[in-house]
């Protein structure tokens, strides 16, 4: 909101906007190399032990020789955007400004492309920093339809990917996410509603509700991200582009009888078009 090129002084702009001057001059401190290394290791441990909370992760890190406390682990987990996955008490208590939609996929037979899309956000480590990845997956074929990188956990980069997927592939019947603030926001749910898409959300802490996206993250990180120390966001963009192409067009999936996501996605669409 503060425009440093405007004729009005920064002090006056802060007065008009009723902002503290410290807010205008604040610059985020860089993350230390030690913290970045710990964040990457916590991310790896979270993939292996998604049920592990701050205390268990602290103990696992201490076994590896790290001197770290529970509160520091919890802080890094919040920065990563991860939490232990388990049933929590008072699950019916929601943020009053956010509408939580029911989970629509339980016992639903999903066997055709564009029936259900699923999406999520994950943390991508780099050599001197990190970014967040948002991706949209077609549930039936496991095909990655669109994705975006961002250095902040905002909603706009998610909206861009959803709009791209809808433009290229049409609208799914159901769109499933977790209950993250990006997905419960009016901007995100409003976009889906305008296209007549049913909204489905995982139960709180129920990672199995969106298990196919979780499997995508595991494959992506172990087969691409952890093998490379990206120097820049551009390198991360290129590496993930390369992997998504491989994942969609070359990598066989056991759950797809050895076929690739592209084969399943386009073969089903062709069959339906011929039948019509």
C-alpha atoms as a PDB file:
ATOM      1  CA  UNK A   1       0.000   0.000   0.000  1.00  0.00           C
ATOM      2  CA  UNK A   2       2.935   2.333   0.614  1.00  0.00           C
ATOM      3  CA  UNK A   3       4.233   3.911  -2.600  1.00  0.00           C
ATOM      4  CA  UNK A   4       7.786   5.162  -2.089  1.00  0.00           C
ATOM      5  CA  UNK A   5       7.742   6.984  -5.439  1.00  0.00           C
ATOM      6  CA  UNK A   6       4.660   9.059  -4.531  1.00  0.00           C
ATOM      7  CA  UNK A   7       5.115  12.810  -3.865  1.00  0.00           C
ATOM      8  CA  UNK A   8       3.644  12.297  -0.384  1.00  0.00           C
ATOM      9  CA  UNK A   9       6.228  11.319   2.194  1.00  0.00           C
ATOM     10  CA  UNK A  10       6.187   7.825   3.640  1.00  0.00           C
ATOM     11  CA  UNK A  11       5.355   9.338   7.031  1.00  0.00           C
ATOM     12  CA  UNK A  12       2.288  11.095   5.631  1.00  0.00           C
ATOM     13  CA  UNK A  13       1.145   7.980   3.744  1.00  0.00           C
ATOM     14  CA  UNK A  14       1.367   5.995   6.993  1.00  0.00           C
ATOM     15  CA  UNK A  15      -0.728   8.644   8.749  1.00  0.00           C
ATOM     16  CA  UNK A  16      -3.416   8.535   6.067  1.00  0.00           C
ATOM     17  CA  UNK A  17      -3.502   4.738   6.049  1.00  0.00           C
ATOM     18  CA  UNK A  18      -3.338   4.591   9.858  1.00  0.00           C
ATOM     19  CA  UNK A  19      -0.296   2.347   9.707  1.00  0.00           C
ATOM     20  CA  UNK A  20       2.613   2.310  12.109  1.00  0.00           C
ATOM     21  CA  UNK A  21       5.753   3.726  10.520  1.00  0.00           C
ATOM     22  CA  UNK A  22       7.637   0.613  11.592  1.00  0.00           C
ATOM     23  CA  UNK A  23       5.377  -1.405   9.275  1.00  0.00           C
ATOM     24  CA  UNK A  24       6.487   0.608   6.249  1.00  0.00           C
ATOM     25  CA  UNK A  25      10.192   0.285   7.048  1.00  0.00           C
ATOM     26  CA  UNK A  26      10.185  -3.336   8.179  1.00  0.00           C
ATOM     27  CA  UNK A  27      12.252  -5.766   6.113  1.00  0.00           C
ATOM     28  CA  UNK A  28      11.987  -9.477   6.714  1.00  0.00           C
ATOM     29  CA  UNK A  29      15.159 -10.973   8.169  1.00  0.00           C
ATOM     30  CA  UNK A  30      16.792 -13.641   5.989  1.00  0.00           C
ATOM     31  CA  UNK A  31      16.441 -17.249   7.129  1.00  0.00           C
ATOM     32  CA  UNK A  32      19.677 -18.751   8.397  1.00  0.00           C
ATOM     33  CA  UNK A  33      21.369 -21.686   6.698  1.00  0.00           C
ATOM     34  CA  UNK A  34      20.810 -23.743   9.865  1.00  0.00           C
ATOM     35  CA  UNK A  35      17.067 -23.053   9.838  1.00  0.00           C
ATOM     36  CA  UNK A  36      16.806 -23.907   6.135  1.00  0.00           C
ATOM     37  CA  UNK A  37      18.588 -27.221   6.715  1.00  0.00           C
ATOM     38  CA  UNK A  38      16.259 -28.016   9.607  1.00  0.00           C
ATOM     39  CA  UNK A  39      13.199 -27.108   7.527  1.00  0.00           C
ATOM     40  CA  UNK A  40      14.269 -29.474   4.781  1.00  0.00           C
ATOM     41  CA  UNK A  41      14.871 -32.284   7.265  1.00  0.00           C
ATOM     42  CA  UNK A  42      11.524 -31.671   8.981  1.00  0.00           C
ATOM     43  CA  UNK A  43       9.845 -31.825   5.568  1.00  0.00           C
ATOM     44  CA  UNK A  44      11.530 -35.170   4.864  1.00  0.00           C
ATOM     45  CA  UNK A  45      10.545 -36.552   8.268  1.00  0.00           C
ATOM     46  CA  UNK A  46       6.979 -35.321   7.818  1.00  0.00           C
ATOM     47  CA  UNK A  47       6.694 -37.293   4.578  1.00  0.00           C
ATOM     48  CA  UNK A  48       7.914 -40.421   6.395  1.00  0.00           C
ATOM     49  CA  UNK A  49       5.953 -39.893   9.607  1.00  0.00           C
ATOM     50  CA  UNK A  50       2.934 -37.664   8.874  1.00  0.00           C
ATOM     51  CA  UNK A  51       1.567 -38.385  12.354  1.00  0.00           C
ATOM     52  CA  UNK A  52       4.635 -36.900  14.086  1.00  0.00           C
ATOM     53  CA  UNK A  53       4.059 -33.675  15.996  1.00  0.00           C
ATOM     54  CA  UNK A  54       6.582 -31.126  17.200  1.00  0.00           C
ATOM     55  CA  UNK A  55       7.673 -33.250  20.172  1.00  0.00           C
ATOM     56  CA  UNK A  56       8.286 -36.402  18.149  1.00  0.00           C
ATOM     57  CA  UNK A  57      10.071 -34.474  15.396  1.00  0.00           C
ATOM     58  CA  UNK A  58      12.210 -32.784  18.047  1.00  0.00           C
ATOM     59  CA  UNK A  59      13.241 -36.188  19.403  1.00  0.00           C
ATOM     60  CA  UNK A  60      13.929 -37.547  15.921  1.00  0.00           C
ATOM     61  CA  UNK A  61      16.109 -34.535  15.140  1.00  0.00           C
ATOM     62  CA  UNK A  62      17.950 -34.899  18.434  1.00  0.00           C
ATOM     63  CA  UNK A  63      18.706 -38.526  17.560  1.00  0.00           C
ATOM     64  CA  UNK A  64      20.492 -37.159  14.499  1.00  0.00           C
ATOM     65  CA  UNK A  65      22.556 -34.771  16.611  1.00  0.00           C
ATOM     66  CA  UNK A  66      20.555 -31.548  16.199  1.00  0.00           C
ATOM     67  CA  UNK A  67      20.251 -29.308  19.224  1.00  0.00           C
ATOM     68  CA  UNK A  68      16.659 -28.102  18.983  1.00  0.00           C
ATOM     69  CA  UNK A  69      13.605 -27.574  21.173  1.00  0.00           C
ATOM     70  CA  UNK A  70       9.929 -28.275  20.660  1.00  0.00           C
ATOM     71  CA  UNK A  71       9.001 -24.624  20.204  1.00  0.00           C
ATOM     72  CA  UNK A  72      11.565 -24.123  17.456  1.00  0.00           C
ATOM     73  CA  UNK A  73      10.288 -27.240  15.682  1.00  0.00           C
ATOM     74  CA  UNK A  74       6.721 -25.954  15.966  1.00  0.00           C
ATOM     75  CA  UNK A  75       7.764 -22.569  14.524  1.00  0.00           C
ATOM     76  CA  UNK A  76       9.476 -24.218  11.559  1.00  0.00           C
ATOM     77  CA  UNK A  77       6.474 -26.484  10.995  1.00  0.00           C
ATOM     78  CA  UNK A  78       4.208 -23.427  10.792  1.00  0.00           C
ATOM     79  CA  UNK A  79       6.567 -21.848   8.287  1.00  0.00           C
ATOM     80  CA  UNK A  80       6.532 -25.061   6.242  1.00  0.00           C
ATOM     81  CA  UNK A  81       2.754 -25.208   6.376  1.00  0.00           C
ATOM     82  CA  UNK A  82       2.678 -28.748   7.820  1.00  0.00           C
ATOM     83  CA  UNK A  83       1.116 -30.227  10.936  1.00  0.00           C
ATOM     84  CA  UNK A  84       0.781 -33.636  12.510  1.00  0.00           C
ATOM     85  CA  UNK A  85      -2.113 -35.525  10.971  1.00  0.00           C
ATOM     86  CA  UNK A  86      -4.464 -36.930  13.563  1.00  0.00           C
ATOM     87  CA  UNK A  87      -7.975 -36.464  14.808  1.00  0.00           C
ATOM     88  CA  UNK A  88      -8.216 -33.373  16.997  1.00  0.00           C
ATOM     89  CA  UNK A  89     -10.892 -32.433  19.565  1.00  0.00           C
ATOM     90  CA  UNK A  90     -13.577 -29.815  18.842  1.00  0.00           C
ATOM     91  CA  UNK A  91     -13.421 -30.422  15.111  1.00  0.00           C
ATOM     92  CA  UNK A  92     -16.766 -28.691  14.641  1.00  0.00           C
ATOM     93  CA  UNK A  93     -15.371 -25.325  15.772  1.00  0.00           C
ATOM     94  CA  UNK A  94     -14.600 -23.323  12.645  1.00  0.00           C
ATOM     95  CA  UNK A  95     -13.346 -19.854  11.886  1.00  0.00           C
ATOM     96  CA  UNK A  96     -16.510 -17.716  11.811  1.00  0.00           C
ATOM     97  CA  UNK A  97     -15.510 -16.078   8.536  1.00  0.00           C
ATOM     98  CA  UNK A  98     -14.779 -19.301   6.653  1.00  0.00           C
ATOM     99  CA  UNK A  99     -17.327 -21.735   5.254  1.00  0.00           C
ATOM    100  CA  UNK A 100     -16.179 -25.352   5.483  1.00  0.00           C
ATOM    101  CA  UNK A 101     -17.700 -27.612   2.840  1.00  0.00           C
ATOM    102  CA  UNK A 102     -18.420 -31.336   3.373  1.00  0.00           C
ATOM    103  CA  UNK A 103     -16.248 -34.127   2.015  1.00  0.00           C
ATOM    104  CA  UNK A 104     -18.036 -35.486  -1.064  1.00  0.00           C
ATOM    105  CA  UNK A 105     -15.728 -38.313  -2.121  1.00  0.00           C
ATOM    106  CA  UNK A 106     -16.429 -40.926   0.533  1.00  0.00           C
ATOM    107  CA  UNK A 107     -17.714 -44.104  -1.174  1.00  0.00           C
ATOM    108  CA  UNK A 108     -17.866 -42.215  -4.480  1.00  0.00           C
ATOM    109  CA  UNK A 109     -16.810 -44.268  -7.515  1.00  0.00           C
ATOM    110  CA  UNK A 110     -14.365 -42.115  -9.502  1.00  0.00           C
ATOM    111  CA  UNK A 111     -13.365 -43.760 -12.769  1.00  0.00           C
ATOM    112  CA  UNK A 112     -13.351 -41.054 -15.436  1.00  0.00           C
ATOM    113  CA  UNK A 113     -11.258 -37.939 -16.082  1.00  0.00           C
ATOM    114  CA  UNK A 114     -12.608 -34.552 -15.028  1.00  0.00           C
ATOM    115  CA  UNK A 115     -15.001 -36.134 -12.551  1.00  0.00           C
ATOM    116  CA  UNK A 116     -12.923 -35.044  -9.537  1.00  0.00           C
ATOM    117  CA  UNK A 117      -9.924 -32.747  -9.307  1.00  0.00           C
ATOM    118  CA  UNK A 118      -7.831 -32.498  -6.156  1.00  0.00           C
ATOM    119  CA  UNK A 119      -5.359 -29.805  -5.142  1.00  0.00           C
ATOM    120  CA  UNK A 120      -2.918 -28.963  -2.377  1.00  0.00           C
ATOM    121  CA  UNK A 121       0.125 -26.853  -1.476  1.00  0.00           C
ATOM    122  CA  UNK A 122       3.548 -28.152  -0.435  1.00  0.00           C
ATOM    123  CA  UNK A 123       6.936 -26.732   0.542  1.00  0.00           C
ATOM    124  CA  UNK A 124       9.832 -26.914  -1.941  1.00  0.00           C
ATOM    125  CA  UNK A 125      13.347 -26.426  -0.472  1.00  0.00           C
ATOM    126  CA  UNK A 126      16.087 -24.613  -2.376  1.00  0.00           C
ATOM    127  CA  UNK A 127      19.761 -24.127  -1.550  1.00  0.00           C
ATOM    128  CA  UNK A 128      19.227 -20.677   0.000  1.00  0.00           C
ATOM    129  CA  UNK A 129      15.510 -20.458   0.569  1.00  0.00           C
ATOM    130  CA  UNK A 130      12.241 -22.123  -0.282  1.00  0.00           C
ATOM    131  CA  UNK A 131       9.047 -21.703  -2.290  1.00  0.00           C
ATOM    132  CA  UNK A 132       5.552 -23.154  -2.155  1.00  0.00           C
ATOM    133  CA  UNK A 133       4.074 -25.354  -4.878  1.00  0.00           C
ATOM    134  CA  UNK A 134       0.359 -25.580  -5.652  1.00  0.00           C
ATOM    135  CA  UNK A 135      -0.780 -28.352  -7.997  1.00  0.00           C
ATOM    136  CA  UNK A 136      -4.069 -29.671  -9.380  1.00  0.00           C
ATOM    137  CA  UNK A 137      -4.429 -33.413  -9.967  1.00  0.00           C
ATOM    138  CA  UNK A 138      -7.103 -35.285 -11.896  1.00  0.00           C
ATOM    139  CA  UNK A 139      -8.204 -37.965  -9.424  1.00  0.00           C
ATOM    140  CA  UNK A 140      -9.034 -40.762 -11.887  1.00  0.00           C
ATOM    141  CA  UNK A 141      -5.922 -40.516 -14.071  1.00  0.00           C
ATOM    142  CA  UNK A 142      -3.466 -38.967 -11.531  1.00  0.00           C
ATOM    143  CA  UNK A 143      -2.566 -36.427 -14.215  1.00  0.00           C
ATOM    144  CA  UNK A 144      -1.122 -33.086 -13.068  1.00  0.00           C
ATOM    145  CA  UNK A 145      -3.284 -30.506 -14.841  1.00  0.00           C
ATOM    146  CA  UNK A 146      -1.723 -27.237 -13.665  1.00  0.00           C
ATOM    147  CA  UNK A 147       0.661 -25.921 -11.038  1.00  0.00           C
ATOM    148  CA  UNK A 148       2.256 -22.719  -9.761  1.00  0.00           C
ATOM    149  CA  UNK A 149       5.168 -21.678  -7.537  1.00  0.00           C
ATOM    150  CA  UNK A 150       5.062 -18.820  -5.039  1.00  0.00           C
ATOM    151  CA  UNK A 151       7.327 -17.480  -2.304  1.00  0.00           C
ATOM    152  CA  UNK A 152       4.323 -16.722  -0.078  1.00  0.00           C
ATOM    153  CA  UNK A 153       1.279 -18.691   1.082  1.00  0.00           C
ATOM    154  CA  UNK A 154      -1.275 -16.488  -0.620  1.00  0.00           C
ATOM    155  CA  UNK A 155      -4.380 -17.340  -2.644  1.00  0.00           C
ATOM    156  CA  UNK A 156      -3.542 -15.620  -5.924  1.00  0.00           C
ATOM    157  CA  UNK A 157      -1.127 -18.235  -7.294  1.00  0.00           C
ATOM    158  CA  UNK A 158      -3.700 -20.956  -6.529  1.00  0.00           C
ATOM    159  CA  UNK A 159      -6.360 -19.024  -8.442  1.00  0.00           C
ATOM    160  CA  UNK A 160      -4.053 -18.658 -11.449  1.00  0.00           C
ATOM    161  CA  UNK A 161      -3.508 -22.425 -11.626  1.00  0.00           C
ATOM    162  CA  UNK A 162      -7.218 -23.225 -11.255  1.00  0.00           C
ATOM    163  CA  UNK A 163      -8.112 -20.769 -14.004  1.00  0.00           C
ATOM    164  CA  UNK A 164      -5.462 -22.278 -16.288  1.00  0.00           C
ATOM    165  CA  UNK A 165      -6.734 -25.815 -15.683  1.00  0.00           C
ATOM    166  CA  UNK A 166     -10.346 -24.825 -16.351  1.00  0.00           C
ATOM    167  CA  UNK A 167      -9.362 -22.960 -19.520  1.00  0.00           C
ATOM    168  CA  UNK A 168      -7.394 -25.923 -20.888  1.00  0.00           C
ATOM    169  CA  UNK A 169      -9.474 -28.883 -19.728  1.00  0.00           C
ATOM    170  CA  UNK A 170     -12.940 -27.609 -18.875  1.00  0.00           C
ATOM    171  CA  UNK A 171     -14.599 -27.919 -15.481  1.00  0.00           C
ATOM    172  CA  UNK A 172     -14.625 -30.944 -13.195  1.00  0.00           C
ATOM    173  CA  UNK A 173     -17.783 -31.961 -11.393  1.00  0.00           C
ATOM    174  CA  UNK A 174     -16.072 -31.844  -7.977  1.00  0.00           C
ATOM    175  CA  UNK A 175     -12.989 -29.990  -6.709  1.00  0.00           C
ATOM    176  CA  UNK A 176     -11.426 -31.367  -3.505  1.00  0.00           C
ATOM    177  CA  UNK A 177      -8.952 -29.606  -1.181  1.00  0.00           C
ATOM    178  CA  UNK A 178      -8.065 -29.527   2.480  1.00  0.00           C
ATOM    179  CA  UNK A 179      -9.314 -26.812   4.828  1.00  0.00           C
ATOM    180  CA  UNK A 180      -6.364 -24.457   4.335  1.00  0.00           C
ATOM    181  CA  UNK A 181      -7.143 -20.746   4.448  1.00  0.00           C
ATOM    182  CA  UNK A 182      -6.300 -20.360   0.761  1.00  0.00           C
ATOM    183  CA  UNK A 183      -9.013 -22.876  -0.151  1.00  0.00           C
ATOM    184  CA  UNK A 184     -11.712 -21.680   2.235  1.00  0.00           C
ATOM    185  CA  UNK A 185     -11.308 -18.064   1.115  1.00  0.00           C
ATOM    186  CA  UNK A 186     -14.167 -16.393  -0.709  1.00  0.00           C
ATOM    187  CA  UNK A 187     -11.904 -15.751  -3.708  1.00  0.00           C
ATOM    188  CA  UNK A 188     -11.127 -19.466  -4.154  1.00  0.00           C
ATOM    189  CA  UNK A 189     -14.569 -20.924  -3.440  1.00  0.00           C
ATOM    190  CA  UNK A 190     -16.203 -18.128  -5.419  1.00  0.00           C
ATOM    191  CA  UNK A 191     -14.189 -19.053  -8.520  1.00  0.00           C
ATOM    192  CA  UNK A 192     -15.356 -22.661  -8.278  1.00  0.00           C
ATOM    193  CA  UNK A 193     -18.978 -21.650  -7.688  1.00  0.00           C
ATOM    194  CA  UNK A 194     -19.008 -19.350 -10.716  1.00  0.00           C
ATOM    195  CA  UNK A 195     -18.091 -22.347 -12.865  1.00  0.00           C
ATOM    196  CA  UNK A 196     -20.727 -24.591 -11.293  1.00  0.00           C
ATOM    197  CA  UNK A 197     -18.153 -26.856  -9.618  1.00  0.00           C
ATOM    198  CA  UNK A 198     -19.097 -28.724  -6.437  1.00  0.00           C
ATOM    199  CA  UNK A 199     -16.706 -28.004  -3.553  1.00  0.00           C
ATOM    200  CA  UNK A 200     -15.383 -30.837  -1.397  1.00  0.00           C
ATOM    201  CA  UNK A 201     -13.032 -30.467   1.583  1.00  0.00           C
ATOM    202  CA  UNK A 202     -11.089 -33.036   3.577  1.00  0.00           C
ATOM    203  CA  UNK A 203     -11.896 -33.649   7.197  1.00  0.00           C
ATOM    204  CA  UNK A 204      -9.524 -31.796   9.526  1.00  0.00           C
ATOM    205  CA  UNK A 205      -6.361 -33.868   9.897  1.00  0.00           C
ATOM    206  CA  UNK A 206      -7.599 -36.577   7.503  1.00  0.00           C
ATOM    207  CA  UNK A 207      -4.671 -36.882   5.108  1.00  0.00           C
ATOM    208  CA  UNK A 208      -6.212 -39.990   3.498  1.00  0.00           C
ATOM    209  CA  UNK A 209      -9.034 -37.852   2.121  1.00  0.00           C
ATOM    210  CA  UNK A 210      -6.580 -36.354  -0.368  1.00  0.00           C
ATOM    211  CA  UNK A 211      -4.151 -39.247  -0.490  1.00  0.00           C
ATOM    212  CA  UNK A 212      -3.344 -39.075  -4.210  1.00  0.00           C
ATOM    213  CA  UNK A 213      -1.976 -35.540  -3.932  1.00  0.00           C
ATOM    214  CA  UNK A 214       0.078 -36.636  -0.901  1.00  0.00           C
ATOM    215  CA  UNK A 215       1.526 -39.433  -3.032  1.00  0.00           C
ATOM    216  CA  UNK A 216       2.359 -36.929  -5.767  1.00  0.00           C
ATOM    217  CA  UNK A 217       4.307 -34.806  -3.255  1.00  0.00           C
ATOM    218  CA  UNK A 218       6.248 -37.839  -2.074  1.00  0.00           C
ATOM    219  CA  UNK A 219       7.164 -38.883  -5.628  1.00  0.00           C
ATOM    220  CA  UNK A 220       8.072 -35.344  -6.672  1.00  0.00           C
ATOM    221  CA  UNK A 221      10.311 -34.718  -3.681  1.00  0.00           C
ATOM    222  CA  UNK A 222      12.151 -38.031  -3.634  1.00  0.00           C
ATOM    223  CA  UNK A 223      12.515 -38.335  -7.416  1.00  0.00           C
ATOM    224  CA  UNK A 224      13.294 -34.679  -8.216  1.00  0.00           C
ATOM    225  CA  UNK A 225      13.443 -32.031  -5.487  1.00  0.00           C
ATOM    226  CA  UNK A 226      15.704 -33.773  -2.962  1.00  0.00           C
ATOM    227  CA  UNK A 227      18.121 -34.738  -5.734  1.00  0.00           C
ATOM    228  CA  UNK A 228      18.751 -31.108  -6.665  1.00  0.00           C
ATOM    229  CA  UNK A 229      19.704 -28.033  -4.683  1.00  0.00           C
ATOM    230  CA  UNK A 230      17.924 -25.338  -6.666  1.00  0.00           C
ATOM    231  CA  UNK A 231      19.847 -22.068  -6.610  1.00  0.00           C
ATOM    232  CA  UNK A 232      17.014 -19.898  -7.899  1.00  0.00           C
ATOM    233  CA  UNK A 233      13.259 -19.967  -8.325  1.00  0.00           C
ATOM    234  CA  UNK A 234      13.894 -20.280 -12.053  1.00  0.00           C
ATOM    235  CA  UNK A 235      15.852 -23.497 -11.479  1.00  0.00           C
ATOM    236  CA  UNK A 236      13.043 -24.822  -9.311  1.00  0.00           C
ATOM    237  CA  UNK A 237      10.541 -23.915 -12.037  1.00  0.00           C
ATOM    238  CA  UNK A 238      12.604 -25.727 -14.674  1.00  0.00           C
ATOM    239  CA  UNK A 239      13.151 -28.791 -12.482  1.00  0.00           C
ATOM    240  CA  UNK A 240       9.484 -29.179 -11.583  1.00  0.00           C
ATOM    241  CA  UNK A 241       8.466 -28.582 -15.206  1.00  0.00           C
ATOM    242  CA  UNK A 242      10.800 -31.378 -16.224  1.00  0.00           C
ATOM    243  CA  UNK A 243       9.455 -33.721 -13.561  1.00  0.00           C
ATOM    244  CA  UNK A 244       5.766 -33.019 -14.229  1.00  0.00           C
ATOM    245  CA  UNK A 245       6.340 -33.797 -17.927  1.00  0.00           C
ATOM    246  CA  UNK A 246       8.061 -37.054 -16.937  1.00  0.00           C
ATOM    247  CA  UNK A 247       5.323 -37.850 -14.398  1.00  0.00           C
ATOM    248  CA  UNK A 248       2.486 -37.291 -16.875  1.00  0.00           C
ATOM    249  CA  UNK A 249       3.990 -38.832 -20.010  1.00  0.00           C
ATOM    250  CA  UNK A 250       6.665 -41.402 -19.080  1.00  0.00           C
ATOM    251  CA  UNK A 251       6.415 -42.603 -15.469  1.00  0.00           C
ATOM    252  CA  UNK A 252       4.252 -45.777 -15.242  1.00  0.00           C
ATOM    253  CA  UNK A 253       1.853 -46.052 -12.293  1.00  0.00           C
ATOM    254  CA  UNK A 254       1.099 -49.330 -10.575  1.00  0.00           C
ATOM    255  CA  UNK A 255      -2.418 -48.196  -9.717  1.00  0.00           C
ATOM    256  CA  UNK A 256      -2.978 -47.496 -13.434  1.00  0.00           C
ATOM    257  CA  UNK A 257      -1.800 -50.979 -14.495  1.00  0.00           C
ATOM    258  CA  UNK A 258       1.520 -49.583 -15.678  1.00  0.00           C
ATOM    259  CA  UNK A 259       0.010 -46.859 -17.820  1.00  0.00           C
ATOM    260  CA  UNK A 260       0.961 -43.193 -17.619  1.00  0.00           C
ATOM    261  CA  UNK A 261      -1.465 -40.504 -16.429  1.00  0.00           C
ATOM    262  CA  UNK A 262      -1.602 -39.067 -19.953  1.00  0.00           C
ATOM    263  CA  UNK A 263      -2.625 -42.422 -21.426  1.00  0.00           C
ATOM    264  CA  UNK A 264      -5.441 -42.892 -18.938  1.00  0.00           C
ATOM    265  CA  UNK A 265      -6.624 -39.283 -19.133  1.00  0.00           C
ATOM    266  CA  UNK A 266      -6.748 -38.974 -22.915  1.00  0.00           C
ATOM    267  CA  UNK A 267      -7.825 -42.577 -23.642  1.00  0.00           C
ATOM    268  CA  UNK A 268     -10.918 -42.150 -21.480  1.00  0.00           C
ATOM    269  CA  UNK A 269     -11.744 -38.818 -23.074  1.00  0.00           C
ATOM    270  CA  UNK A 270     -11.364 -40.299 -26.565  1.00  0.00           C
ATOM    271  CA  UNK A 271     -13.565 -43.281 -25.634  1.00  0.00           C
ATOM    272  CA  UNK A 272     -16.309 -40.988 -24.330  1.00  0.00           C
ATOM    273  CA  UNK A 273     -16.148 -38.764 -27.411  1.00  0.00           C
ATOM    274  CA  UNK A 274     -16.415 -41.796 -29.720  1.00  0.00           C
ATOM    275  CA  UNK A 275     -19.337 -43.160 -27.698  1.00  0.00           C
ATOM    276  CA  UNK A 276     -21.121 -39.841 -27.997  1.00  0.00           C
END
